């Protein structure tokens, strides 16, 4: 079986676009997905600091 890692194959601009829809806390939590996702949240042009309350 072939192991396809689609998340790590995404270009930086797509990762930034995905993270831009998240609150800051959620964006930081994506760093556990893989080494590739460890630091992209630090270079986001716009961060949402609104309080996030999961339901």
PDB file of N, CA and C in Angstrom:
ATOM      1  N   UNK A   1       0.845  -1.179   0.000  1.00  0.00           N
ATOM      2  CA  UNK A   1       0.000   0.000   0.000  1.00  0.00           C
ATOM      3  C   UNK A   1       0.894   1.247   0.000  1.00  0.00           C
ATOM      4  N   UNK A   2       0.547   2.209  -0.800  1.00  0.00           N
ATOM      5  CA  UNK A   2       1.315   3.435  -0.910  1.00  0.00           C
ATOM      6  C   UNK A   2       0.805   4.443   0.119  1.00  0.00           C
ATOM      7  N   UNK A   3       1.745   5.016   0.877  1.00  0.00           N
ATOM      8  CA  UNK A   3       1.400   6.016   1.880  1.00  0.00           C
ATOM      9  C   UNK A   3       1.482   7.404   1.239  1.00  0.00           C
ATOM     10  N   UNK A   4       0.343   8.052   1.062  1.00  0.00           N
ATOM     11  CA  UNK A   4       0.296   9.374   0.445  1.00  0.00           C
ATOM     12  C   UNK A   4       0.085  10.416   1.544  1.00  0.00           C
ATOM     13  N   UNK A   5       1.012  11.361   1.619  1.00  0.00           N
ATOM     14  CA  UNK A   5       0.934  12.420   2.617  1.00  0.00           C
ATOM     15  C   UNK A   5       0.569  13.727   1.923  1.00  0.00           C
ATOM     16  N   UNK A   6      -0.683  13.990   1.814  1.00  0.00           N
ATOM     17  CA  UNK A   6      -1.158  15.156   1.069  1.00  0.00           C
ATOM     18  C   UNK A   6      -0.967  16.461   1.829  1.00  0.00           C
ATOM     19  N   UNK A   7      -1.000  16.420   3.142  1.00  0.00           N
ATOM     20  CA  UNK A   7      -0.818  17.650   3.912  1.00  0.00           C
ATOM     21  C   UNK A   7       0.574  18.232   3.735  1.00  0.00           C
ATOM     22  N   UNK A   8       1.574  17.402   3.759  1.00  0.00           N
ATOM     23  CA  UNK A   8       2.944  17.888   3.625  1.00  0.00           C
ATOM     24  C   UNK A   8       3.278  18.336   2.209  1.00  0.00           C
ATOM     25  N   UNK A   9       2.493  17.921   1.249  1.00  0.00           N
ATOM     26  CA  UNK A   9       2.741  18.307  -0.139  1.00  0.00           C
ATOM     27  C   UNK A   9       2.117  19.649  -0.511  1.00  0.00           C
ATOM     28  N   UNK A  10       1.346  20.241   0.408  1.00  0.00           N
ATOM     29  CA  UNK A  10       0.719  21.525   0.107  1.00  0.00           C
ATOM     30  C   UNK A  10       1.768  22.635   0.060  1.00  0.00           C
ATOM     31  N   UNK A  11       1.650  23.557  -0.887  1.00  0.00           N
ATOM     32  CA  UNK A  11       2.575  24.699  -0.922  1.00  0.00           C
ATOM     33  C   UNK A  11       2.296  25.651   0.242  1.00  0.00           C
ATOM     34  N   UNK A  12       3.282  26.469   0.577  1.00  0.00           N
ATOM     35  CA  UNK A  12       3.171  27.383   1.718  1.00  0.00           C
ATOM     36  C   UNK A  12       1.970  28.310   1.618  1.00  0.00           C
ATOM     37  N   UNK A  13       1.700  28.837   0.450  1.00  0.00           N
ATOM     38  CA  UNK A  13       0.586  29.785   0.339  1.00  0.00           C
ATOM     39  C   UNK A  13      -0.762  29.116   0.630  1.00  0.00           C
ATOM     40  N   UNK A  14      -0.886  27.839   0.347  1.00  0.00           N
ATOM     41  CA  UNK A  14      -2.130  27.120   0.647  1.00  0.00           C
ATOM     42  C   UNK A  14      -2.235  26.871   2.146  1.00  0.00           C
ATOM     43  N   UNK A  15      -1.126  26.517   2.771  1.00  0.00           N
ATOM     44  CA  UNK A  15      -1.120  26.311   4.223  1.00  0.00           C
ATOM     45  C   UNK A  15      -1.490  27.612   4.930  1.00  0.00           C
ATOM     46  N   UNK A  16      -0.923  28.723   4.470  1.00  0.00           N
ATOM     47  CA  UNK A  16      -1.260  30.018   5.075  1.00  0.00           C
ATOM     48  C   UNK A  16      -2.740  30.346   4.887  1.00  0.00           C
ATOM     49  N   UNK A  17      -3.282  30.022   3.749  1.00  0.00           N
ATOM     50  CA  UNK A  17      -4.703  30.272   3.490  1.00  0.00           C
ATOM     51  C   UNK A  17      -5.572  29.449   4.441  1.00  0.00           C
ATOM     52  N   UNK A  18      -5.230  28.187   4.618  1.00  0.00           N
ATOM     53  CA  UNK A  18      -5.973  27.316   5.537  1.00  0.00           C
ATOM     54  C   UNK A  18      -5.899  27.872   6.955  1.00  0.00           C
ATOM     55  N   UNK A  19      -4.705  28.226   7.395  1.00  0.00           N
ATOM     56  CA  UNK A  19      -4.520  28.723   8.757  1.00  0.00           C
ATOM     57  C   UNK A  19      -5.183  30.077   8.972  1.00  0.00           C
ATOM     58  N   UNK A  20      -5.348  30.849   7.925  1.00  0.00           N
ATOM     59  CA  UNK A  20      -5.943  32.175   8.073  1.00  0.00           C
ATOM     60  C   UNK A  20      -7.418  32.108   8.463  1.00  0.00           C
ATOM     61  N   UNK A  21      -8.055  30.972   8.271  1.00  0.00           N
ATOM     62  CA  UNK A  21      -9.449  30.806   8.662  1.00  0.00           C
ATOM     63  C   UNK A  21      -9.614  30.394  10.118  1.00  0.00           C
ATOM     64  N   UNK A  22      -8.515  30.091  10.785  1.00  0.00           N
ATOM     65  CA  UNK A  22      -8.560  29.587  12.155  1.00  0.00           C
ATOM     66  C   UNK A  22      -8.262  30.680  13.166  1.00  0.00           C
ATOM     67  N   UNK A  23      -8.739  30.472  14.390  1.00  0.00           N
ATOM     68  CA  UNK A  23      -8.339  31.326  15.498  1.00  0.00           C
ATOM     69  C   UNK A  23      -6.888  31.008  15.840  1.00  0.00           C
ATOM     70  N   UNK A  24      -6.240  31.917  16.531  1.00  0.00           N
ATOM     71  CA  UNK A  24      -4.820  31.771  16.855  1.00  0.00           C
ATOM     72  C   UNK A  24      -4.534  30.450  17.554  1.00  0.00           C
ATOM     73  N   UNK A  25      -5.305  30.117  18.547  1.00  0.00           N
ATOM     74  CA  UNK A  25      -5.070  28.879  19.307  1.00  0.00           C
ATOM     75  C   UNK A  25      -5.179  27.643  18.399  1.00  0.00           C
ATOM     76  N   UNK A  26      -6.151  27.647  17.520  1.00  0.00           N
ATOM     77  CA  UNK A  26      -6.320  26.523  16.595  1.00  0.00           C
ATOM     78  C   UNK A  26      -5.156  26.459  15.608  1.00  0.00           C
ATOM     79  N   UNK A  27      -4.709  27.603  15.131  1.00  0.00           N
ATOM     80  CA  UNK A  27      -3.594  27.635  14.184  1.00  0.00           C
ATOM     81  C   UNK A  27      -2.328  27.088  14.833  1.00  0.00           C
ATOM     82  N   UNK A  28      -2.095  27.448  16.083  1.00  0.00           N
ATOM     83  CA  UNK A  28      -0.917  26.940  16.796  1.00  0.00           C
ATOM     84  C   UNK A  28      -1.018  25.429  16.988  1.00  0.00           C
ATOM     85  N   UNK A  29      -2.208  24.932  17.236  1.00  0.00           N
ATOM     86  CA  UNK A  29      -2.395  23.494  17.452  1.00  0.00           C
ATOM     87  C   UNK A  29      -2.063  22.666  16.217  1.00  0.00           C
ATOM     88  N   UNK A  30      -2.062  23.275  15.032  1.00  0.00           N
ATOM     89  CA  UNK A  30      -1.730  22.528  13.821  1.00  0.00           C
ATOM     90  C   UNK A  30      -0.257  22.130  13.774  1.00  0.00           C
ATOM     91  N   UNK A  31       0.569  22.703  14.653  1.00  0.00           N
ATOM     92  CA  UNK A  31       1.994  22.380  14.624  1.00  0.00           C
ATOM     93  C   UNK A  31       2.260  20.922  14.975  1.00  0.00           C
ATOM     94  N   UNK A  32       1.292  20.223  15.543  1.00  0.00           N
ATOM     95  CA  UNK A  32       1.493  18.814  15.876  1.00  0.00           C
ATOM     96  C   UNK A  32       1.195  17.884  14.702  1.00  0.00           C
ATOM     97  N   UNK A  33       0.678  18.433  13.596  1.00  0.00           N
ATOM     98  CA  UNK A  33       0.345  17.588  12.453  1.00  0.00           C
ATOM     99  C   UNK A  33       1.578  16.928  11.854  1.00  0.00           C
ATOM    100  N   UNK A  34       2.648  17.695  11.707  1.00  0.00           N
ATOM    101  CA  UNK A  34       3.895  17.167  11.168  1.00  0.00           C
ATOM    102  C   UNK A  34       4.977  18.231  11.305  1.00  0.00           C
ATOM    103  N   UNK A  35       6.210  17.864  11.013  1.00  0.00           N
ATOM    104  CA  UNK A  35       7.308  18.835  11.070  1.00  0.00           C
ATOM    105  C   UNK A  35       7.082  19.963  10.081  1.00  0.00           C
ATOM    106  N   UNK A  36       6.475  19.662   8.975  1.00  0.00           N
ATOM    107  CA  UNK A  36       6.213  20.654   7.923  1.00  0.00           C
ATOM    108  C   UNK A  36       5.255  21.737   8.418  1.00  0.00           C
ATOM    109  N   UNK A  37       4.334  21.397   9.328  1.00  0.00           N
ATOM    110  CA  UNK A  37       3.331  22.330   9.839  1.00  0.00           C
ATOM    111  C   UNK A  37       3.759  22.962  11.164  1.00  0.00           C
ATOM    112  N   UNK A  38       4.990  22.773  11.561  1.00  0.00           N
ATOM    113  CA  UNK A  38       5.435  23.236  12.872  1.00  0.00           C
ATOM    114  C   UNK A  38       5.469  24.757  13.009  1.00  0.00           C
ATOM    115  N   UNK A  39       5.945  25.475  11.983  1.00  0.00           N
ATOM    116  CA  UNK A  39       6.127  26.916  12.113  1.00  0.00           C
ATOM    117  C   UNK A  39       5.338  27.812  11.156  1.00  0.00           C
ATOM    118  N   UNK A  40       4.569  27.297  10.215  1.00  0.00           N
ATOM    119  CA  UNK A  40       3.866  28.202   9.298  1.00  0.00           C
ATOM    120  C   UNK A  40       2.952  29.217   9.996  1.00  0.00           C
ATOM    121  N   UNK A  41       2.392  28.884  11.124  1.00  0.00           N
ATOM    122  CA  UNK A  41       1.500  29.810  11.811  1.00  0.00           C
ATOM    123  C   UNK A  41       2.240  31.069  12.261  1.00  0.00           C
ATOM    124  N   UNK A  42       3.554  30.989  12.438  1.00  0.00           N
ATOM    125  CA  UNK A  42       4.317  32.152  12.900  1.00  0.00           C
ATOM    126  C   UNK A  42       4.462  33.220  11.830  1.00  0.00           C
ATOM    127  N   UNK A  43       4.214  32.875  10.585  1.00  0.00           N
ATOM    128  CA  UNK A  43       4.364  33.856   9.517  1.00  0.00           C
ATOM    129  C   UNK A  43       3.032  34.245   8.881  1.00  0.00           C
ATOM    130  N   UNK A  44       1.955  34.034   9.606  1.00  0.00           N
ATOM    131  CA  UNK A  44       0.645  34.439   9.094  1.00  0.00           C
ATOM    132  C   UNK A  44       0.534  35.956   9.076  1.00  0.00           C
ATOM    133  N   UNK A  45       0.032  36.519   7.986  1.00  0.00           N
ATOM    134  CA  UNK A  45      -0.094  37.972   7.903  1.00  0.00           C
ATOM    135  C   UNK A  45      -1.193  38.532   8.813  1.00  0.00           C
ATOM    136  N   UNK A  46      -2.175  37.717   9.144  1.00  0.00           N
ATOM    137  CA  UNK A  46      -3.289  38.190   9.970  1.00  0.00           C
ATOM    138  C   UNK A  46      -3.638  37.101  10.980  1.00  0.00           C
ATOM    139  N   UNK A  47      -3.656  37.473  12.259  1.00  0.00           N
ATOM    140  CA  UNK A  47      -3.987  36.517  13.316  1.00  0.00           C
ATOM    141  C   UNK A  47      -5.305  36.906  13.968  1.00  0.00           C
ATOM    142  N   UNK A  48      -6.139  35.913  14.247  1.00  0.00           N
ATOM    143  CA  UNK A  48      -7.407  36.158  14.938  1.00  0.00           C
ATOM    144  C   UNK A  48      -7.182  35.934  16.428  1.00  0.00           C
ATOM    145  N   UNK A  49      -7.310  36.998  17.205  1.00  0.00           N
ATOM    146  CA  UNK A  49      -7.124  36.900  18.646  1.00  0.00           C
ATOM    147  C   UNK A  49      -8.440  36.805  19.396  1.00  0.00           C
ATOM    148  N   UNK A  50      -9.539  36.636  18.681  1.00  0.00           N
ATOM    149  CA  UNK A  50     -10.842  36.507  19.334  1.00  0.00           C
ATOM    150  C   UNK A  50     -10.813  35.301  20.254  1.00  0.00           C
ATOM    151  N   UNK A  51     -11.604  35.366  21.289  1.00  0.00           N
ATOM    152  CA  UNK A  51     -11.639  34.228  22.213  1.00  0.00           C
ATOM    153  C   UNK A  51     -12.334  33.056  21.525  1.00  0.00           C
ATOM    154  N   UNK A  52     -11.747  31.915  21.657  1.00  0.00           N
ATOM    155  CA  UNK A  52     -12.276  30.692  21.053  1.00  0.00           C
ATOM    156  C   UNK A  52     -12.798  29.812  22.172  1.00  0.00           C
ATOM    157  N   UNK A  53     -14.046  29.424  22.053  1.00  0.00           N
ATOM    158  CA  UNK A  53     -14.643  28.553  23.070  1.00  0.00           C
ATOM    159  C   UNK A  53     -15.275  27.355  22.372  1.00  0.00           C
ATOM    160  N   UNK A  54     -14.593  26.209  22.438  1.00  0.00           N
ATOM    161  CA  UNK A  54     -15.177  25.024  21.790  1.00  0.00           C
ATOM    162  C   UNK A  54     -16.485  24.628  22.450  1.00  0.00           C
ATOM    163  N   UNK A  55     -17.381  24.094  21.666  1.00  0.00           N
ATOM    164  CA  UNK A  55     -18.686  23.704  22.212  1.00  0.00           C
ATOM    165  C   UNK A  55     -18.715  22.249  22.531  1.00  0.00           C
TER     166      UNK A  55
END
